[in-house]
Amino acid sequence: MEVIRIAEFESARIPVAAIKEISIEVGDLSGVEAEAFQSALELLARDSVLDGANINIIRTSGKGICNSCNKEFEMHSFMAACPDCLAFPSVVKGGKEFRVVSLLVD
């Protein structure tokens, strides 16, 4: 519902005829299941400002830095081990994003 509220706020702020597309970034480590979120948003978007809009989900993978060898690597869960030395990362650098990136309007 918050995504719909953001779209409603932005479309009222700058009057538009229609929203054609909304792009939402969903990180692998955000705790949001992207496909389930998209399905739910499609249902909730009916009869809202997003009705008929294309919902574009941008998946971003997690990134970690290994505590042992300092290698940066892609991770798809918080329990991912370094591919070089098999240690766990001390710092998660990305993949927790969950945000509206853009609206394409008419």
Protein backbone atom coordinates (compact mmCIF):
# COMPACT_ATOMS: atom_id res chain seq x y z
CA MET A 1 0.00 0.00 0.00
CA GLU A 2 2.91 2.37 0.68
CA VAL A 3 4.07 2.05 -2.94
CA ILE A 4 0.60 3.06 -4.10
CA ARG A 5 0.62 6.01 -1.66
CA ILE A 6 3.98 7.16 -3.07
CA ALA A 7 2.61 6.95 -6.63
CA GLU A 8 -0.54 8.84 -5.62
CA PHE A 9 1.47 11.55 -3.88
CA GLU A 10 3.81 12.04 -6.84
CA SER A 11 1.01 12.02 -9.42
CA ALA A 12 -0.89 14.67 -7.43
CA ARG A 13 2.22 16.78 -6.88
CA ILE A 14 2.90 16.99 -10.60
CA PRO A 15 -0.51 16.47 -12.26
CA VAL A 16 -0.29 13.67 -14.80
CA ALA A 17 -2.79 11.95 -17.08
CA ALA A 18 -1.65 8.46 -16.11
CA ILE A 19 1.24 6.47 -14.70
CA LYS A 20 2.51 4.13 -17.39
CA GLU A 21 5.24 2.36 -15.42
CA ILE A 22 6.62 2.14 -11.93
CA SER A 23 10.11 0.76 -11.25
CA ILE A 24 10.87 -0.70 -7.84
CA GLU A 25 14.28 -1.90 -6.68
CA VAL A 26 14.17 -5.05 -4.55
CA GLY A 27 17.42 -6.33 -3.08
CA ASP A 28 18.02 -10.04 -2.55
CA LEU A 29 18.75 -9.32 1.11
CA SER A 30 15.79 -6.96 1.68
CA GLY A 31 13.55 -9.67 3.11
CA VAL A 32 11.02 -9.06 0.32
CA GLU A 33 10.15 -11.90 -2.03
CA ALA A 34 10.09 -10.00 -5.34
CA GLU A 35 7.60 -12.21 -7.21
CA ALA A 36 5.14 -12.31 -4.30
CA PHE A 37 5.46 -8.53 -3.89
CA GLN A 38 4.79 -7.96 -7.59
CA SER A 39 1.70 -10.20 -7.51
CA ALA A 40 0.35 -8.43 -4.43
CA LEU A 41 1.01 -4.99 -5.92
CA GLU A 42 -0.75 -5.95 -9.17
CA LEU A 43 -3.84 -6.91 -7.16
CA LEU A 44 -3.73 -3.79 -4.97
CA ALA A 45 -3.12 -1.51 -7.97
CA ARG A 46 -6.58 -2.19 -9.41
CA ASP A 47 -8.73 0.95 -9.19
CA SER A 48 -5.74 2.99 -7.99
CA VAL A 49 -3.44 5.46 -9.71
CA LEU A 50 -1.32 2.44 -10.73
CA ASP A 51 -4.19 0.63 -12.45
CA GLY A 52 -2.88 -0.46 -15.86
CA ALA A 53 0.71 0.59 -15.12
CA ASN A 54 3.57 -1.75 -15.93
CA ILE A 55 5.25 -2.86 -12.70
CA ASN A 56 8.98 -3.18 -13.28
CA ILE A 57 10.86 -4.99 -10.51
CA ILE A 58 14.62 -4.42 -10.53
CA ARG A 59 16.39 -7.19 -8.61
CA THR A 60 19.73 -6.34 -7.02
CA SER A 61 22.03 -8.95 -5.57
CA GLY A 62 23.71 -8.62 -2.24
CA LYS A 63 27.34 -7.67 -1.93
CA GLY A 64 29.65 -8.57 0.90
CA ILE A 65 33.24 -7.96 1.88
CA CYS A 66 35.08 -10.89 3.38
CA ASN A 67 36.45 -10.28 6.87
CA SER A 68 39.40 -12.60 6.24
CA CYS A 69 40.67 -11.82 2.73
CA ASN A 70 38.90 -8.49 2.02
CA LYS A 71 37.40 -9.79 -1.24
CA GLU A 72 34.15 -8.20 -2.40
CA PHE A 73 31.68 -10.79 -3.69
CA GLU A 74 28.05 -11.29 -4.66
CA MET A 75 25.79 -12.89 -2.07
CA HIS A 76 22.18 -14.06 -2.21
CA SER A 77 21.75 -14.69 1.52
CA PHE A 78 23.21 -13.33 4.74
CA MET A 79 24.87 -16.71 5.31
CA ALA A 80 26.88 -16.64 2.05
CA ALA A 81 30.54 -17.55 2.45
CA CYS A 82 33.45 -15.94 0.61
CA PRO A 83 34.01 -17.87 -2.62
CA ASP A 84 37.81 -17.63 -2.18
CA CYS A 85 38.47 -18.46 1.48
CA LEU A 86 35.00 -19.66 2.62
CA ALA A 87 34.84 -17.17 5.53
CA PHE A 88 31.66 -15.19 6.23
CA PRO A 89 31.57 -11.47 5.28
CA SER A 90 31.99 -8.91 8.01
CA VAL A 91 30.27 -6.16 6.03
CA VAL A 92 27.16 -6.37 3.86
CA LYS A 93 27.54 -3.60 1.27
CA GLY A 94 24.37 -3.97 -0.74
CA GLY A 95 21.27 -5.95 -1.50
CA LYS A 96 19.01 -4.60 1.27
CA GLU A 97 17.38 -2.01 -1.01
CA PHE A 98 13.61 -1.76 -1.30
CA ARG A 99 12.52 1.49 -2.93
CA VAL A 100 10.55 3.13 -5.68
CA VAL A 101 13.12 4.14 -8.28
CA SER A 102 11.00 5.86 -10.92
CA LEU A 103 7.60 6.59 -12.34
CA LEU A 104 7.01 6.89 -16.08
CA VAL A 105 4.03 9.17 -16.61
CA ASP A 106 1.89 10.31 -19.50
